[in-house]
């Protein structure tokens, strides 16, 4: 299983808990500024949350992910955001997250927990690359803590040429000590809405998609 991780630090590493490899984002994007969260942040934050990349310049800044398995495969994309008062302003921004040209999510950390937020989307790219973009909407500087790209079995959550964003998930019996991605999906039930049409430059909502 190919797993690609993009973090905001300059070193590659393997997460001690999940055993997922994280790589530097320096080959994935050439804009933005690497920052470190405040030392007042919770001591037990994960390593990927200790640094972030902010984008004070430009309206649209994009990561280009090139998975080894290429197009026409099922991927889980997870975007993580931990503000950590990195800029000393103690004011969380609001900005948009896009998958290519399509709106994925409005990132709003106003009511985020102590460890930030993350957003998931399942996507079958029609090209050999995936663009994940942060959009400045005039309500603060966009940033990102980490991006995760995980290959899924093509039989899990078939998207039929679209993308599915998660609104909630339930653990239905996974062993807590098992960090394997396949186990994570086979033992969880997810409810999706916001079906994004990736072949057009629009996004629309449908009724909940349950698996």
N, C-alpha and C. Protein backbone atom coordinates (compact mmCIF):
# COMPACT_ATOMS: atom_id res chain seq x y z
N UNK A 1 0.84 -1.19 0.00
CA UNK A 1 0.00 0.00 0.00
C UNK A 1 0.88 1.24 0.00
N UNK A 2 0.71 2.12 -0.94
CA UNK A 2 1.47 3.36 -0.98
C UNK A 2 0.81 4.42 -0.12
N UNK A 3 1.56 5.01 0.79
CA UNK A 3 1.06 6.07 1.65
C UNK A 3 1.99 7.25 1.54
N UNK A 4 1.46 8.39 1.16
CA UNK A 4 2.26 9.60 1.02
C UNK A 4 1.81 10.60 2.06
N UNK A 5 2.76 11.15 2.77
CA UNK A 5 2.45 12.15 3.78
C UNK A 5 3.22 13.41 3.48
N UNK A 6 2.57 14.55 3.60
CA UNK A 6 3.24 15.84 3.44
C UNK A 6 3.13 16.60 4.74
N UNK A 7 4.27 16.94 5.32
CA UNK A 7 4.27 17.70 6.56
C UNK A 7 4.98 19.02 6.33
N UNK A 8 4.91 19.85 7.33
CA UNK A 8 5.46 21.18 7.18
C UNK A 8 6.88 21.32 7.73
N UNK A 9 7.45 20.25 8.23
CA UNK A 9 8.82 20.32 8.71
C UNK A 9 9.76 19.99 7.56
N UNK A 10 11.05 20.08 7.80
CA UNK A 10 12.02 19.81 6.75
C UNK A 10 12.59 18.41 6.83
N UNK A 11 12.08 17.58 7.73
CA UNK A 11 12.60 16.24 7.89
C UNK A 11 11.50 15.22 7.65
N UNK A 12 11.90 14.07 7.05
CA UNK A 12 10.99 12.95 6.91
C UNK A 12 11.03 12.13 8.20
N UNK A 13 9.93 11.51 8.55
CA UNK A 13 9.89 10.69 9.75
C UNK A 13 8.72 9.72 9.68
N UNK A 14 8.70 8.78 10.60
CA UNK A 14 7.59 7.83 10.72
C UNK A 14 6.88 8.10 12.04
N UNK A 15 5.57 8.30 11.98
CA UNK A 15 4.79 8.56 13.18
C UNK A 15 4.85 7.34 14.10
N UNK A 16 5.21 7.56 15.35
CA UNK A 16 5.39 6.46 16.29
C UNK A 16 4.09 5.72 16.58
N UNK A 17 2.97 6.42 16.53
CA UNK A 17 1.69 5.79 16.87
C UNK A 17 1.07 5.07 15.68
N UNK A 18 1.02 5.73 14.52
CA UNK A 18 0.34 5.16 13.36
C UNK A 18 1.28 4.40 12.43
N UNK A 19 2.59 4.64 12.57
CA UNK A 19 3.61 4.05 11.70
C UNK A 19 3.49 4.55 10.26
N UNK A 20 2.83 5.66 10.09
CA UNK A 20 2.68 6.24 8.76
C UNK A 20 3.88 7.14 8.48
N UNK A 21 4.53 7.00 7.31
CA UNK A 21 5.68 7.86 6.99
C UNK A 21 5.21 9.25 6.58
N UNK A 22 5.87 10.25 7.12
CA UNK A 22 5.62 11.64 6.75
C UNK A 22 6.84 12.15 5.98
N UNK A 23 6.61 12.86 4.91
CA UNK A 23 7.70 13.46 4.15
C UNK A 23 7.55 14.97 4.16
N UNK A 24 8.65 15.66 3.93
CA UNK A 24 8.62 17.11 3.83
C UNK A 24 7.78 17.54 2.64
N UNK A 25 7.17 18.71 2.74
CA UNK A 25 6.35 19.21 1.63
C UNK A 25 7.15 20.04 0.63
N UNK A 26 8.46 20.12 0.79
CA UNK A 26 9.26 21.02 -0.04
C UNK A 26 9.22 20.67 -1.52
N UNK A 27 8.91 19.41 -1.86
CA UNK A 27 8.83 19.02 -3.27
C UNK A 27 7.41 19.12 -3.81
N UNK A 28 6.46 19.49 -2.96
CA UNK A 28 5.05 19.49 -3.34
C UNK A 28 4.48 20.88 -3.57
N UNK A 29 5.18 21.90 -3.08
CA UNK A 29 4.68 23.27 -3.20
C UNK A 29 5.86 24.23 -3.11
N UNK A 30 5.79 25.34 -3.82
CA UNK A 30 6.90 26.30 -3.80
C UNK A 30 6.46 27.67 -3.30
N UNK A 31 5.32 27.74 -2.62
CA UNK A 31 4.86 28.99 -2.03
C UNK A 31 4.63 28.78 -0.54
N UNK A 32 4.39 29.87 0.17
CA UNK A 32 4.10 29.77 1.59
C UNK A 32 5.34 29.88 2.46
N UNK A 33 5.11 29.97 3.77
CA UNK A 33 6.18 30.15 4.74
C UNK A 33 6.00 29.13 5.86
N UNK A 34 7.07 28.42 6.20
CA UNK A 34 7.02 27.44 7.28
C UNK A 34 7.09 28.16 8.62
N UNK A 35 6.16 27.82 9.52
CA UNK A 35 6.09 28.44 10.84
C UNK A 35 6.02 27.34 11.91
N UNK A 36 6.34 27.73 13.14
CA UNK A 36 6.27 26.83 14.28
C UNK A 36 5.18 27.31 15.24
N UNK A 37 4.40 26.39 15.78
CA UNK A 37 3.31 26.78 16.67
C UNK A 37 3.88 27.29 17.99
N UNK A 38 3.05 27.98 18.74
CA UNK A 38 3.45 28.58 20.00
C UNK A 38 3.91 27.52 21.01
N UNK A 39 4.94 27.83 21.81
CA UNK A 39 5.36 26.90 22.86
C UNK A 39 4.29 26.69 23.93
N UNK A 40 3.25 27.52 23.92
CA UNK A 40 2.15 27.36 24.86
C UNK A 40 1.14 26.32 24.40
N UNK A 41 1.36 25.72 23.22
CA UNK A 41 0.46 24.69 22.71
C UNK A 41 0.53 23.45 23.61
N UNK A 42 -0.51 22.60 23.57
CA UNK A 42 -0.48 21.38 24.39
C UNK A 42 0.80 20.58 24.16
N UNK A 43 1.37 20.05 25.22
CA UNK A 43 2.63 19.34 25.12
C UNK A 43 2.54 18.07 24.30
N UNK A 44 1.36 17.43 24.31
CA UNK A 44 1.23 16.13 23.67
C UNK A 44 0.67 16.20 22.26
N UNK A 45 0.82 17.34 21.59
CA UNK A 45 0.38 17.40 20.20
C UNK A 45 1.27 16.50 19.36
N UNK A 46 0.69 15.96 18.28
CA UNK A 46 1.44 15.07 17.39
C UNK A 46 2.51 15.86 16.65
N UNK A 47 3.52 15.16 16.19
CA UNK A 47 4.66 15.84 15.56
C UNK A 47 4.24 16.65 14.34
N UNK A 48 3.26 16.13 13.58
CA UNK A 48 2.86 16.85 12.37
C UNK A 48 2.17 18.17 12.67
N UNK A 49 1.75 18.38 13.93
CA UNK A 49 1.07 19.62 14.30
C UNK A 49 2.03 20.68 14.83
N UNK A 50 3.28 20.35 15.00
CA UNK A 50 4.22 21.30 15.59
C UNK A 50 4.68 22.38 14.61
N UNK A 51 4.56 22.10 13.32
CA UNK A 51 4.90 23.07 12.29
C UNK A 51 3.75 23.18 11.31
N UNK A 52 3.70 24.28 10.60
CA UNK A 52 2.67 24.47 9.58
C UNK A 52 3.24 25.33 8.46
N UNK A 53 2.49 25.40 7.39
CA UNK A 53 2.85 26.31 6.29
C UNK A 53 1.71 27.30 6.13
N UNK A 54 2.03 28.59 6.22
CA UNK A 54 1.04 29.65 6.03
C UNK A 54 1.23 30.29 4.66
N UNK A 55 0.16 30.92 4.17
CA UNK A 55 0.18 31.47 2.82
C UNK A 55 -0.30 32.92 2.83
N UNK A 56 0.58 33.84 3.27
CA UNK A 56 0.19 35.26 3.33
C UNK A 56 0.10 35.93 1.97
N UNK A 57 0.69 35.30 0.95
CA UNK A 57 0.70 35.88 -0.39
C UNK A 57 -0.18 35.05 -1.33
N UNK A 58 -0.92 35.75 -2.19
CA UNK A 58 -1.72 35.07 -3.20
C UNK A 58 -3.08 34.64 -2.68
N UNK A 59 -4.01 34.53 -3.62
CA UNK A 59 -5.36 34.11 -3.27
C UNK A 59 -5.49 32.60 -3.25
N UNK A 60 -4.74 31.92 -4.13
CA UNK A 60 -4.87 30.47 -4.29
C UNK A 60 -3.47 29.84 -4.27
N UNK A 61 -3.24 28.94 -3.33
CA UNK A 61 -1.97 28.22 -3.24
C UNK A 61 -2.26 26.73 -3.21
N UNK A 62 -1.57 25.97 -4.05
CA UNK A 62 -1.93 24.57 -4.25
C UNK A 62 -0.76 23.61 -4.05
N UNK A 63 -1.07 22.50 -3.39
CA UNK A 63 -0.18 21.35 -3.35
C UNK A 63 -0.48 20.46 -4.55
N UNK A 64 0.55 19.88 -5.16
CA UNK A 64 0.36 18.91 -6.22
C UNK A 64 0.89 17.57 -5.74
N UNK A 65 -0.03 16.64 -5.48
CA UNK A 65 0.32 15.30 -5.02
C UNK A 65 0.37 14.37 -6.22
N UNK A 66 1.41 13.53 -6.28
CA UNK A 66 1.56 12.59 -7.40
C UNK A 66 1.70 11.17 -6.83
N UNK A 67 0.58 10.52 -6.54
CA UNK A 67 0.65 9.17 -5.96
C UNK A 67 1.29 8.18 -6.91
N UNK A 68 2.05 7.25 -6.34
CA UNK A 68 2.75 6.26 -7.16
C UNK A 68 1.79 5.41 -7.97
N UNK A 69 0.60 5.15 -7.41
CA UNK A 69 -0.36 4.28 -8.09
C UNK A 69 -1.10 4.99 -9.21
N UNK A 70 -0.98 6.30 -9.29
CA UNK A 70 -1.54 7.05 -10.41
C UNK A 70 -3.04 7.20 -10.39
N UNK A 71 -3.59 7.50 -11.55
CA UNK A 71 -5.00 7.81 -11.69
C UNK A 71 -5.88 6.56 -11.59
N UNK A 72 -7.20 6.83 -11.49
CA UNK A 72 -8.23 5.78 -11.48
C UNK A 72 -8.09 4.83 -10.29
N UNK A 73 -7.55 5.34 -9.19
CA UNK A 73 -7.51 4.59 -7.94
C UNK A 73 -8.22 5.39 -6.86
N UNK A 74 -8.67 4.68 -5.84
CA UNK A 74 -9.45 5.28 -4.77
C UNK A 74 -8.51 5.76 -3.66
N UNK A 75 -8.58 7.05 -3.32
CA UNK A 75 -7.69 7.60 -2.30
C UNK A 75 -8.50 8.32 -1.22
N UNK A 76 -8.02 8.19 0.02
CA UNK A 76 -8.49 9.05 1.09
C UNK A 76 -7.50 10.20 1.20
N UNK A 77 -8.00 11.42 1.15
CA UNK A 77 -7.18 12.61 1.35
C UNK A 77 -7.64 13.24 2.66
N UNK A 78 -6.71 13.48 3.56
CA UNK A 78 -7.02 14.11 4.84
C UNK A 78 -6.17 15.36 5.00
N UNK A 79 -6.82 16.49 5.26
CA UNK A 79 -6.13 17.75 5.50
C UNK A 79 -6.25 18.10 6.98
N UNK A 80 -5.11 18.40 7.62
CA UNK A 80 -5.09 18.67 9.06
C UNK A 80 -4.72 20.13 9.31
N UNK A 81 -5.38 20.72 10.32
CA UNK A 81 -5.18 22.13 10.64
C UNK A 81 -5.08 22.30 12.14
N UNK A 82 -3.93 22.78 12.61
CA UNK A 82 -3.74 23.11 14.01
C UNK A 82 -3.10 24.49 14.07
N UNK A 83 -3.86 25.46 14.53
CA UNK A 83 -3.43 26.87 14.51
C UNK A 83 -2.30 27.13 15.50
N UNK A 84 -2.46 26.74 16.72
CA UNK A 84 -1.41 26.87 17.71
C UNK A 84 -0.87 28.28 17.91
N UNK A 85 -1.68 29.29 17.56
CA UNK A 85 -1.28 30.69 17.72
C UNK A 85 0.13 30.94 17.17
N UNK A 86 0.39 30.36 16.00
CA UNK A 86 1.73 30.44 15.43
C UNK A 86 2.15 31.88 15.11
N UNK A 87 1.16 32.76 14.85
CA UNK A 87 1.46 34.14 14.46
C UNK A 87 1.35 35.12 15.63
N UNK A 88 1.03 34.60 16.82
CA UNK A 88 0.94 35.46 17.99
C UNK A 88 -0.27 36.36 18.03
N UNK A 89 -1.19 36.21 17.09
CA UNK A 89 -2.37 37.08 17.03
C UNK A 89 -3.56 36.51 17.80
N UNK A 90 -3.50 35.23 18.12
CA UNK A 90 -4.59 34.55 18.83
C UNK A 90 -5.93 34.77 18.14
N UNK A 91 -5.90 34.69 16.81
CA UNK A 91 -7.11 34.91 16.01
C UNK A 91 -7.11 33.91 14.87
N UNK A 92 -7.97 32.89 14.95
CA UNK A 92 -7.98 31.84 13.94
C UNK A 92 -8.58 32.35 12.64
N UNK A 93 -7.99 32.02 11.50
CA UNK A 93 -8.51 32.45 10.22
C UNK A 93 -9.65 31.55 9.73
N UNK A 94 -10.36 32.02 8.73
CA UNK A 94 -11.37 31.25 8.02
C UNK A 94 -11.02 31.31 6.54
N UNK A 95 -10.94 30.16 5.89
CA UNK A 95 -10.55 30.13 4.49
C UNK A 95 -11.14 28.88 3.84
N UNK A 96 -11.02 28.79 2.53
CA UNK A 96 -11.60 27.66 1.80
C UNK A 96 -10.54 26.65 1.41
N UNK A 97 -10.97 25.40 1.34
CA UNK A 97 -10.14 24.29 0.90
C UNK A 97 -10.76 23.73 -0.36
N UNK A 98 -9.96 23.60 -1.42
CA UNK A 98 -10.45 23.11 -2.70
C UNK A 98 -9.74 21.83 -3.09
N UNK A 99 -10.45 20.97 -3.80
CA UNK A 99 -9.87 19.82 -4.47
C UNK A 99 -9.85 20.16 -5.95
N UNK A 100 -8.69 20.52 -6.46
CA UNK A 100 -8.62 21.06 -7.82
C UNK A 100 -9.37 22.38 -7.87
N UNK A 101 -10.32 22.49 -8.80
CA UNK A 101 -11.11 23.72 -8.92
C UNK A 101 -12.41 23.65 -8.12
N UNK A 102 -12.65 22.52 -7.46
CA UNK A 102 -13.91 22.31 -6.77
C UNK A 102 -13.80 22.60 -5.29
N UNK A 103 -14.82 23.29 -4.75
CA UNK A 103 -14.83 23.58 -3.32
C UNK A 103 -14.99 22.30 -2.52
N UNK A 104 -14.14 22.11 -1.53
CA UNK A 104 -14.18 20.94 -0.66
C UNK A 104 -14.78 21.32 0.69
N UNK A 105 -14.22 22.34 1.34
CA UNK A 105 -14.64 22.67 2.69
C UNK A 105 -14.23 24.10 3.02
N UNK A 106 -15.04 24.77 3.85
CA UNK A 106 -14.61 26.02 4.47
C UNK A 106 -13.95 25.67 5.79
N UNK A 107 -12.69 26.04 5.94
CA UNK A 107 -11.94 25.74 7.15
C UNK A 107 -12.22 26.83 8.18
N UNK A 108 -12.84 26.44 9.27
CA UNK A 108 -13.19 27.38 10.33
C UNK A 108 -12.81 26.75 11.67
N UNK A 109 -11.77 27.29 12.30
CA UNK A 109 -11.27 26.72 13.54
C UNK A 109 -11.78 27.46 14.78
N UNK A 110 -12.80 28.27 14.60
CA UNK A 110 -13.32 29.07 15.73
C UNK A 110 -13.69 28.19 16.90
N UNK A 111 -14.34 27.07 16.64
CA UNK A 111 -14.76 26.17 17.71
C UNK A 111 -13.99 24.86 17.70
N UNK A 112 -12.77 24.90 17.16
CA UNK A 112 -11.96 23.68 17.09
C UNK A 112 -11.51 23.25 18.48
N UNK A 113 -11.28 21.96 18.64
CA UNK A 113 -10.77 21.45 19.90
C UNK A 113 -9.31 21.81 20.10
N UNK A 114 -8.72 21.36 21.18
CA UNK A 114 -7.34 21.73 21.49
C UNK A 114 -6.31 21.18 20.51
N UNK A 115 -6.72 20.20 19.70
CA UNK A 115 -5.78 19.60 18.75
C UNK A 115 -6.15 19.92 17.30
N UNK A 116 -6.97 20.94 17.10
CA UNK A 116 -7.30 21.37 15.76
C UNK A 116 -8.40 20.53 15.11
N UNK A 117 -8.44 20.56 13.78
CA UNK A 117 -9.46 19.84 13.04
C UNK A 117 -8.81 19.15 11.84
N UNK A 118 -9.53 18.17 11.30
CA UNK A 118 -9.12 17.59 10.02
C UNK A 118 -10.36 17.31 9.19
N UNK A 119 -10.17 17.29 7.88
CA UNK A 119 -11.26 17.04 6.94
C UNK A 119 -10.84 15.93 6.00
N UNK A 120 -11.78 15.00 5.73
CA UNK A 120 -11.52 13.85 4.87
C UNK A 120 -12.33 13.96 3.59
N UNK A 121 -11.74 13.45 2.53
CA UNK A 121 -12.47 13.32 1.27
C UNK A 121 -11.95 12.06 0.56
N UNK A 122 -12.84 11.32 -0.07
CA UNK A 122 -12.46 10.15 -0.86
C UNK A 122 -12.59 10.52 -2.33
N UNK A 123 -11.54 10.24 -3.09
CA UNK A 123 -11.44 10.78 -4.45
C UNK A 123 -10.74 9.78 -5.37
N UNK A 124 -11.27 9.65 -6.59
CA UNK A 124 -10.62 8.87 -7.64
C UNK A 124 -10.15 9.85 -8.71
N UNK A 125 -8.86 10.18 -8.74
CA UNK A 125 -8.38 11.17 -9.72
C UNK A 125 -8.42 10.62 -11.14
N UNK A 126 -8.75 11.48 -12.06
CA UNK A 126 -8.77 11.12 -13.48
C UNK A 126 -7.44 11.42 -14.15
N UNK A 127 -6.53 12.08 -13.42
CA UNK A 127 -5.19 12.36 -13.88
C UNK A 127 -4.20 11.74 -12.91
N UNK A 128 -2.90 11.81 -13.23
CA UNK A 128 -1.88 11.22 -12.38
C UNK A 128 -1.44 12.14 -11.26
N UNK A 129 -2.17 13.19 -11.03
CA UNK A 129 -1.84 14.12 -9.95
C UNK A 129 -3.13 14.60 -9.29
N UNK A 130 -2.99 15.11 -8.06
CA UNK A 130 -4.12 15.64 -7.30
C UNK A 130 -3.72 17.00 -6.76
N UNK A 131 -4.50 18.03 -7.05
CA UNK A 131 -4.24 19.36 -6.53
C UNK A 131 -5.13 19.62 -5.32
N UNK A 132 -4.52 20.00 -4.21
CA UNK A 132 -5.23 20.41 -3.00
C UNK A 132 -4.87 21.87 -2.76
N UNK A 133 -5.88 22.75 -2.76
CA UNK A 133 -5.62 24.19 -2.77
C UNK A 133 -6.23 24.89 -1.56
N UNK A 134 -5.52 25.89 -1.06
CA UNK A 134 -6.00 26.73 0.03
C UNK A 134 -6.32 28.10 -0.55
N UNK A 135 -7.53 28.58 -0.25
CA UNK A 135 -8.05 29.79 -0.89
C UNK A 135 -8.25 30.89 0.16
N UNK A 136 -7.61 32.02 -0.07
CA UNK A 136 -7.78 33.17 0.83
C UNK A 136 -9.09 33.86 0.49
N UNK A 137 -10.00 33.93 1.46
CA UNK A 137 -11.31 34.55 1.25
C UNK A 137 -11.43 35.89 1.98
N UNK A 138 -10.29 36.43 2.41
CA UNK A 138 -10.29 37.73 3.06
C UNK A 138 -10.59 37.70 4.54
N UNK A 139 -10.55 36.51 5.15
CA UNK A 139 -10.86 36.38 6.57
C UNK A 139 -9.69 35.77 7.35
N UNK A 140 -8.49 36.10 6.93
CA UNK A 140 -7.30 35.60 7.61
C UNK A 140 -6.40 34.82 6.66
N UNK A 141 -5.18 34.58 7.11
CA UNK A 141 -4.17 33.91 6.29
C UNK A 141 -4.39 32.39 6.32
N UNK A 142 -4.57 31.75 5.16
CA UNK A 142 -4.71 30.29 5.13
C UNK A 142 -3.42 29.60 5.59
N UNK A 143 -3.57 28.40 6.14
CA UNK A 143 -2.42 27.60 6.53
C UNK A 143 -2.83 26.14 6.51
N UNK A 144 -1.85 25.26 6.64
CA UNK A 144 -2.14 23.84 6.73
C UNK A 144 -1.04 23.18 7.55
N UNK A 145 -1.43 22.21 8.37
CA UNK A 145 -0.47 21.49 9.21
C UNK A 145 0.05 20.23 8.56
N UNK A 146 -0.82 19.48 7.89
CA UNK A 146 -0.40 18.24 7.25
C UNK A 146 -1.42 17.80 6.22
N UNK A 147 -0.95 17.07 5.22
CA UNK A 147 -1.79 16.42 4.23
C UNK A 147 -1.48 14.94 4.26
N UNK A 148 -2.52 14.13 4.21
CA UNK A 148 -2.34 12.68 4.14
C UNK A 148 -3.02 12.15 2.89
N UNK A 149 -2.33 11.24 2.22
CA UNK A 149 -2.89 10.59 1.03
C UNK A 149 -2.75 9.09 1.22
N UNK A 150 -3.88 8.39 1.27
CA UNK A 150 -3.87 6.96 1.53
C UNK A 150 -4.61 6.22 0.42
N UNK A 151 -3.97 5.20 -0.11
CA UNK A 151 -4.60 4.37 -1.13
C UNK A 151 -5.63 3.46 -0.48
N UNK A 152 -6.84 3.41 -1.07
CA UNK A 152 -7.91 2.54 -0.60
C UNK A 152 -8.20 1.47 -1.63
N UNK A 153 -8.79 0.38 -1.17
CA UNK A 153 -9.29 -0.62 -2.10
C UNK A 153 -10.39 0.03 -2.93
N UNK A 154 -10.39 -0.23 -4.21
CA UNK A 154 -11.37 0.42 -5.09
C UNK A 154 -12.81 -0.01 -4.82
N UNK A 155 -12.99 -1.07 -4.02
CA UNK A 155 -14.35 -1.51 -3.69
C UNK A 155 -14.93 -0.73 -2.51
N UNK A 156 -14.09 0.05 -1.80
CA UNK A 156 -14.54 0.79 -0.63
C UNK A 156 -15.05 2.16 -1.07
N UNK A 157 -16.28 2.49 -0.74
CA UNK A 157 -16.88 3.79 -1.03
C UNK A 157 -16.69 4.19 -2.50
N UNK A 158 -17.26 3.42 -3.44
CA UNK A 158 -17.11 3.80 -4.85
C UNK A 158 -17.67 5.19 -5.12
N UNK A 159 -16.89 6.03 -5.81
CA UNK A 159 -17.30 7.42 -6.00
C UNK A 159 -17.87 7.69 -7.37
N UNK A 160 -17.70 6.77 -8.32
CA UNK A 160 -18.27 6.92 -9.66
C UNK A 160 -17.90 8.27 -10.28
N UNK A 161 -16.61 8.56 -10.25
CA UNK A 161 -16.13 9.77 -10.90
C UNK A 161 -16.33 11.05 -10.12
N UNK A 162 -16.72 10.93 -8.84
CA UNK A 162 -16.90 12.11 -8.01
C UNK A 162 -16.07 11.94 -6.75
N UNK A 163 -16.28 12.84 -5.79
CA UNK A 163 -15.55 12.76 -4.53
C UNK A 163 -16.55 12.86 -3.39
N UNK A 164 -16.26 12.16 -2.29
CA UNK A 164 -17.16 12.12 -1.14
C UNK A 164 -16.47 12.74 0.06
N UNK A 165 -17.13 13.69 0.71
CA UNK A 165 -16.59 14.27 1.93
C UNK A 165 -17.32 13.70 3.13
N UNK A 166 -16.56 13.43 4.20
CA UNK A 166 -17.12 12.79 5.39
C UNK A 166 -17.76 13.81 6.31
N UNK A 167 -18.93 13.47 6.87
CA UNK A 167 -19.52 14.33 7.89
C UNK A 167 -19.47 13.69 9.27
N UNK A 168 -19.33 12.35 9.34
CA UNK A 168 -19.13 11.71 10.64
C UNK A 168 -18.70 10.27 10.42
N UNK A 169 -18.13 9.65 11.47
CA UNK A 169 -17.71 8.27 11.38
C UNK A 169 -17.91 7.56 12.70
N UNK A 170 -18.16 6.25 12.63
CA UNK A 170 -18.39 5.46 13.83
C UNK A 170 -17.40 4.29 13.87
N UNK A 171 -16.79 4.07 15.04
CA UNK A 171 -15.93 2.92 15.23
C UNK A 171 -16.82 1.75 15.61
N UNK A 172 -16.76 0.66 14.84
CA UNK A 172 -17.64 -0.48 15.08
C UNK A 172 -16.84 -1.75 15.39
N UNK A 173 -15.68 -1.58 16.03
CA UNK A 173 -14.98 -2.77 16.50
C UNK A 173 -13.53 -2.89 16.12
N UNK A 174 -12.90 -1.85 15.61
CA UNK A 174 -11.49 -1.92 15.27
C UNK A 174 -10.65 -2.06 16.53
N UNK A 175 -9.61 -2.88 16.45
CA UNK A 175 -8.67 -3.01 17.56
C UNK A 175 -7.91 -1.70 17.72
N UNK A 176 -7.97 -1.05 18.88
CA UNK A 176 -7.29 0.24 19.05
C UNK A 176 -5.80 0.18 18.79
N UNK A 177 -5.18 -1.00 18.93
CA UNK A 177 -3.75 -1.12 18.72
C UNK A 177 -3.39 -1.33 17.26
N UNK A 178 -4.41 -1.49 16.40
CA UNK A 178 -4.18 -1.76 14.99
C UNK A 178 -4.21 -0.45 14.22
N UNK A 179 -3.07 -0.02 13.71
CA UNK A 179 -3.00 1.25 12.97
C UNK A 179 -3.09 1.03 11.47
N UNK A 180 -3.30 -0.22 11.04
CA UNK A 180 -3.36 -0.51 9.62
C UNK A 180 -4.54 0.22 8.98
N UNK A 181 -4.30 0.86 7.84
CA UNK A 181 -5.33 1.65 7.18
C UNK A 181 -6.51 0.80 6.74
N UNK A 182 -6.24 -0.42 6.27
CA UNK A 182 -7.33 -1.29 5.84
C UNK A 182 -8.24 -1.63 7.00
N UNK A 183 -7.66 -1.93 8.16
CA UNK A 183 -8.46 -2.22 9.34
C UNK A 183 -9.30 -1.02 9.71
N UNK A 184 -8.72 0.16 9.59
CA UNK A 184 -9.44 1.39 9.94
C UNK A 184 -10.72 1.51 9.14
N UNK A 185 -10.68 1.20 7.86
CA UNK A 185 -11.86 1.37 7.02
C UNK A 185 -12.82 0.19 7.10
N UNK A 186 -12.30 -1.03 7.25
CA UNK A 186 -13.20 -2.16 7.31
C UNK A 186 -13.97 -2.22 8.62
N UNK A 187 -13.52 -1.52 9.66
CA UNK A 187 -14.17 -1.56 10.95
C UNK A 187 -14.80 -0.24 11.33
N UNK A 188 -14.99 0.63 10.38
CA UNK A 188 -15.67 1.88 10.65
C UNK A 188 -16.76 2.11 9.62
N UNK A 189 -17.81 2.80 10.07
CA UNK A 189 -18.88 3.21 9.17
C UNK A 189 -18.82 4.72 9.04
N UNK A 190 -18.82 5.19 7.81
CA UNK A 190 -18.78 6.62 7.56
C UNK A 190 -20.06 7.07 6.88
N UNK A 191 -20.49 8.27 7.18
CA UNK A 191 -21.63 8.88 6.52
C UNK A 191 -21.11 10.07 5.73
N UNK A 192 -21.46 10.11 4.46
CA UNK A 192 -20.94 11.15 3.59
C UNK A 192 -22.07 12.00 3.02
N UNK A 193 -21.76 13.27 2.79
CA UNK A 193 -22.60 14.10 1.94
C UNK A 193 -21.69 14.98 1.13
N UNK A 194 -22.22 16.06 0.57
CA UNK A 194 -21.42 16.99 -0.22
C UNK A 194 -20.67 16.25 -1.31
N UNK A 195 -21.40 15.61 -2.21
CA UNK A 195 -20.80 14.88 -3.32
C UNK A 195 -20.29 15.90 -4.33
N UNK A 196 -18.98 15.89 -4.55
CA UNK A 196 -18.34 16.92 -5.37
C UNK A 196 -18.15 16.38 -6.79
N UNK A 197 -18.69 17.06 -7.76
CA UNK A 197 -18.51 16.67 -9.15
C UNK A 197 -17.13 17.14 -9.61
N UNK A 198 -16.21 16.21 -9.81
CA UNK A 198 -14.84 16.61 -10.12
C UNK A 198 -14.59 16.79 -11.61
N UNK A 199 -15.58 16.44 -12.43
CA UNK A 199 -15.40 16.63 -13.86
C UNK A 199 -15.90 17.99 -14.31
N UNK A 200 -16.44 18.77 -13.38
CA UNK A 200 -16.93 20.12 -13.69
C UNK A 200 -16.40 21.08 -12.63
N UNK A 201 -16.48 22.35 -12.88
CA UNK A 201 -15.97 23.35 -11.94
C UNK A 201 -17.05 23.81 -10.98
N UNK A 202 -17.97 22.88 -10.59
CA UNK A 202 -19.01 23.20 -9.62
C UNK A 202 -19.07 22.10 -8.60
N UNK A 203 -19.66 22.40 -7.46
CA UNK A 203 -19.90 21.39 -6.43
C UNK A 203 -21.36 21.50 -6.02
N UNK A 204 -21.98 20.37 -5.69
CA UNK A 204 -23.37 20.40 -5.30
C UNK A 204 -23.62 19.37 -4.21
N UNK A 205 -24.76 19.50 -3.54
CA UNK A 205 -25.08 18.62 -2.42
C UNK A 205 -26.15 17.61 -2.84
N UNK A 206 -26.00 16.38 -2.34
CA UNK A 206 -27.02 15.36 -2.53
C UNK A 206 -27.40 14.81 -1.16
N UNK A 207 -28.35 13.89 -1.12
CA UNK A 207 -28.72 13.26 0.14
C UNK A 207 -27.54 12.44 0.65
N UNK A 208 -27.56 12.13 1.95
CA UNK A 208 -26.47 11.40 2.58
C UNK A 208 -26.19 10.11 1.81
N UNK A 209 -24.91 9.80 1.67
CA UNK A 209 -24.48 8.56 1.06
C UNK A 209 -23.97 7.67 2.19
N UNK A 210 -24.64 6.56 2.47
CA UNK A 210 -24.29 5.70 3.61
C UNK A 210 -23.65 4.41 3.12
N UNK A 211 -22.55 4.04 3.80
CA UNK A 211 -21.88 2.78 3.49
C UNK A 211 -21.73 1.97 4.77
